[in-house]
């Protein structure tokens, strides 16, 4: 399924920022520091299992 990474990034940004644009910027920076550039992914981007795994781990860490 193409675009899964983009959807996961959007979900992380929405959940963690709660609409606060300053937090969106901070979370994007955290993603970049973890090797995931949100600007690089679109709805048509090929899904990389390694990136999906990193994002799933981030989601789990946020919920703990």
N, C-alpha and C. Protein backbone atom coordinates (compact mmCIF):
# COMPACT_ATOMS: atom_id res chain seq x y z
N UNK A 1 0.84 -1.18 0.00
CA UNK A 1 0.00 0.00 0.00
C UNK A 1 0.88 1.25 0.00
N UNK A 2 0.86 1.99 -1.04
CA UNK A 2 1.64 3.22 -1.12
C UNK A 2 1.02 4.28 -0.23
N UNK A 3 1.86 5.09 0.38
CA UNK A 3 1.38 6.21 1.17
C UNK A 3 1.18 5.92 2.65
N UNK A 4 1.46 4.70 3.09
CA UNK A 4 1.25 4.37 4.51
C UNK A 4 2.15 5.22 5.41
N UNK A 5 3.37 5.46 4.99
CA UNK A 5 4.30 6.26 5.79
C UNK A 5 3.75 7.67 5.96
N UNK A 6 3.26 8.26 4.89
CA UNK A 6 2.69 9.61 4.95
C UNK A 6 1.53 9.66 5.95
N UNK A 7 0.66 8.67 5.89
CA UNK A 7 -0.48 8.61 6.82
C UNK A 7 -0.01 8.47 8.26
N UNK A 8 1.01 7.65 8.48
CA UNK A 8 1.52 7.45 9.84
C UNK A 8 2.14 8.74 10.38
N UNK A 9 2.88 9.44 9.53
CA UNK A 9 3.49 10.71 9.93
C UNK A 9 2.41 11.73 10.29
N UNK A 10 1.38 11.82 9.44
CA UNK A 10 0.28 12.76 9.71
C UNK A 10 -0.42 12.42 11.02
N UNK A 11 -0.60 11.14 11.28
CA UNK A 11 -1.25 10.71 12.51
C UNK A 11 -0.41 11.08 13.74
N UNK A 12 0.88 10.84 13.66
CA UNK A 12 1.78 11.19 14.76
C UNK A 12 1.73 12.69 15.01
N UNK A 13 1.82 13.48 13.94
CA UNK A 13 1.80 14.94 14.08
C UNK A 13 0.49 15.41 14.70
N UNK A 14 -0.63 14.85 14.26
CA UNK A 14 -1.93 15.27 14.78
C UNK A 14 -2.10 14.89 16.24
N UNK A 15 -1.74 13.66 16.58
CA UNK A 15 -1.93 13.19 17.96
C UNK A 15 -1.01 13.91 18.94
N UNK A 16 0.22 14.08 18.56
CA UNK A 16 1.19 14.65 19.49
C UNK A 16 1.10 16.16 19.59
N UNK A 17 0.71 16.84 18.53
CA UNK A 17 0.70 18.31 18.55
C UNK A 17 -0.62 18.87 19.09
N UNK A 18 -1.69 18.10 18.98
CA UNK A 18 -3.02 18.55 19.39
C UNK A 18 -3.36 19.92 18.80
N UNK A 19 -2.94 20.14 17.55
CA UNK A 19 -3.26 21.38 16.84
C UNK A 19 -2.30 22.53 17.07
N UNK A 20 -1.32 22.37 17.93
CA UNK A 20 -0.36 23.42 18.24
C UNK A 20 0.75 23.41 17.16
N UNK A 21 0.79 24.44 16.33
CA UNK A 21 1.75 24.50 15.22
C UNK A 21 3.20 24.49 15.69
N UNK A 22 3.47 25.03 16.85
CA UNK A 22 4.84 25.01 17.38
C UNK A 22 5.27 23.57 17.67
N UNK A 23 4.35 22.79 18.23
CA UNK A 23 4.66 21.39 18.50
C UNK A 23 4.81 20.59 17.20
N UNK A 24 4.06 20.94 16.18
CA UNK A 24 4.21 20.27 14.88
C UNK A 24 5.64 20.43 14.40
N UNK A 25 6.17 21.62 14.52
CA UNK A 25 7.54 21.90 14.10
C UNK A 25 8.54 21.09 14.93
N UNK A 26 8.32 21.02 16.22
CA UNK A 26 9.22 20.26 17.11
C UNK A 26 9.18 18.78 16.75
N UNK A 27 7.99 18.24 16.51
CA UNK A 27 7.85 16.82 16.19
C UNK A 27 8.47 16.51 14.83
N UNK A 28 8.30 17.41 13.86
CA UNK A 28 8.95 17.22 12.55
C UNK A 28 10.47 17.16 12.71
N UNK A 29 10.99 18.03 13.56
CA UNK A 29 12.43 18.04 13.81
C UNK A 29 12.87 16.73 14.45
N UNK A 30 12.09 16.22 15.40
CA UNK A 30 12.42 14.93 16.03
C UNK A 30 12.43 13.82 14.99
N UNK A 31 11.46 13.84 14.09
CA UNK A 31 11.42 12.83 13.03
C UNK A 31 12.66 12.90 12.16
N UNK A 32 13.05 14.11 11.80
CA UNK A 32 14.25 14.29 10.97
C UNK A 32 15.49 13.78 11.70
N UNK A 33 15.59 14.07 12.99
CA UNK A 33 16.73 13.59 13.76
C UNK A 33 16.76 12.06 13.85
N UNK A 34 15.60 11.44 13.74
CA UNK A 34 15.53 9.97 13.75
C UNK A 34 15.69 9.39 12.34
N UNK A 35 15.95 10.25 11.36
CA UNK A 35 16.20 9.77 10.01
C UNK A 35 14.98 9.71 9.12
N UNK A 36 13.88 10.35 9.53
CA UNK A 36 12.66 10.33 8.73
C UNK A 36 12.29 11.77 8.40
N UNK A 37 12.46 12.14 7.13
CA UNK A 37 12.12 13.49 6.69
C UNK A 37 10.68 13.51 6.20
N UNK A 38 9.76 14.11 6.98
CA UNK A 38 8.35 14.11 6.59
C UNK A 38 8.09 14.70 5.20
N UNK A 39 8.90 15.65 4.79
CA UNK A 39 8.70 16.30 3.48
C UNK A 39 9.01 15.34 2.33
N UNK A 40 9.72 14.28 2.61
CA UNK A 40 10.14 13.33 1.59
C UNK A 40 9.01 12.37 1.18
N UNK A 41 7.99 12.27 2.01
CA UNK A 41 6.94 11.27 1.78
C UNK A 41 5.63 11.91 1.34
N UNK A 42 4.98 11.25 0.37
CA UNK A 42 3.67 11.70 -0.13
C UNK A 42 2.74 10.49 -0.17
N UNK A 43 1.53 10.71 -0.65
CA UNK A 43 0.57 9.63 -0.77
C UNK A 43 1.02 8.57 -1.76
N UNK A 44 1.96 8.93 -2.63
CA UNK A 44 2.41 8.03 -3.68
C UNK A 44 3.78 7.42 -3.40
N UNK A 45 4.36 7.75 -2.25
CA UNK A 45 5.67 7.23 -1.89
C UNK A 45 5.61 5.73 -1.62
N UNK A 46 6.66 5.06 -2.07
CA UNK A 46 6.78 3.64 -1.81
C UNK A 46 6.99 3.43 -0.31
N UNK A 47 6.36 2.42 0.25
CA UNK A 47 6.48 2.15 1.67
C UNK A 47 7.73 1.33 1.97
N UNK A 48 8.56 1.85 2.84
CA UNK A 48 9.78 1.20 3.27
C UNK A 48 9.51 0.54 4.62
N UNK A 49 9.64 -0.78 4.71
CA UNK A 49 9.35 -1.48 5.96
C UNK A 49 10.19 -0.98 7.16
N UNK A 50 11.40 -0.56 6.91
CA UNK A 50 12.25 -0.06 8.00
C UNK A 50 11.70 1.25 8.56
N UNK A 51 11.23 2.13 7.70
CA UNK A 51 10.66 3.41 8.14
C UNK A 51 9.35 3.17 8.87
N UNK A 52 8.54 2.27 8.35
CA UNK A 52 7.27 1.93 9.01
C UNK A 52 7.55 1.39 10.41
N UNK A 53 8.56 0.55 10.54
CA UNK A 53 8.92 0.00 11.85
C UNK A 53 9.34 1.10 12.82
N UNK A 54 10.15 2.06 12.35
CA UNK A 54 10.56 3.19 13.19
C UNK A 54 9.35 4.00 13.65
N UNK A 55 8.44 4.26 12.73
CA UNK A 55 7.24 5.05 13.06
C UNK A 55 6.35 4.30 14.05
N UNK A 56 6.20 2.99 13.87
CA UNK A 56 5.40 2.20 14.80
C UNK A 56 6.01 2.23 16.19
N UNK A 57 7.33 2.17 16.27
CA UNK A 57 8.01 2.25 17.57
C UNK A 57 7.75 3.61 18.21
N UNK A 58 7.79 4.68 17.41
CA UNK A 58 7.52 6.02 17.95
C UNK A 58 6.10 6.11 18.49
N UNK A 59 5.14 5.53 17.77
CA UNK A 59 3.75 5.55 18.23
C UNK A 59 3.63 4.81 19.56
N UNK A 60 4.28 3.67 19.66
CA UNK A 60 4.25 2.90 20.91
C UNK A 60 4.89 3.69 22.04
N UNK A 61 6.00 4.34 21.78
CA UNK A 61 6.69 5.14 22.80
C UNK A 61 5.81 6.30 23.28
N UNK A 62 5.06 6.89 22.36
CA UNK A 62 4.17 8.01 22.72
C UNK A 62 3.06 7.55 23.64
N UNK A 63 2.57 6.32 23.44
CA UNK A 63 1.46 5.82 24.23
C UNK A 63 1.89 5.23 25.56
N UNK A 64 3.16 5.09 25.76
CA UNK A 64 3.66 4.55 27.06
C UNK A 64 4.08 5.65 27.98
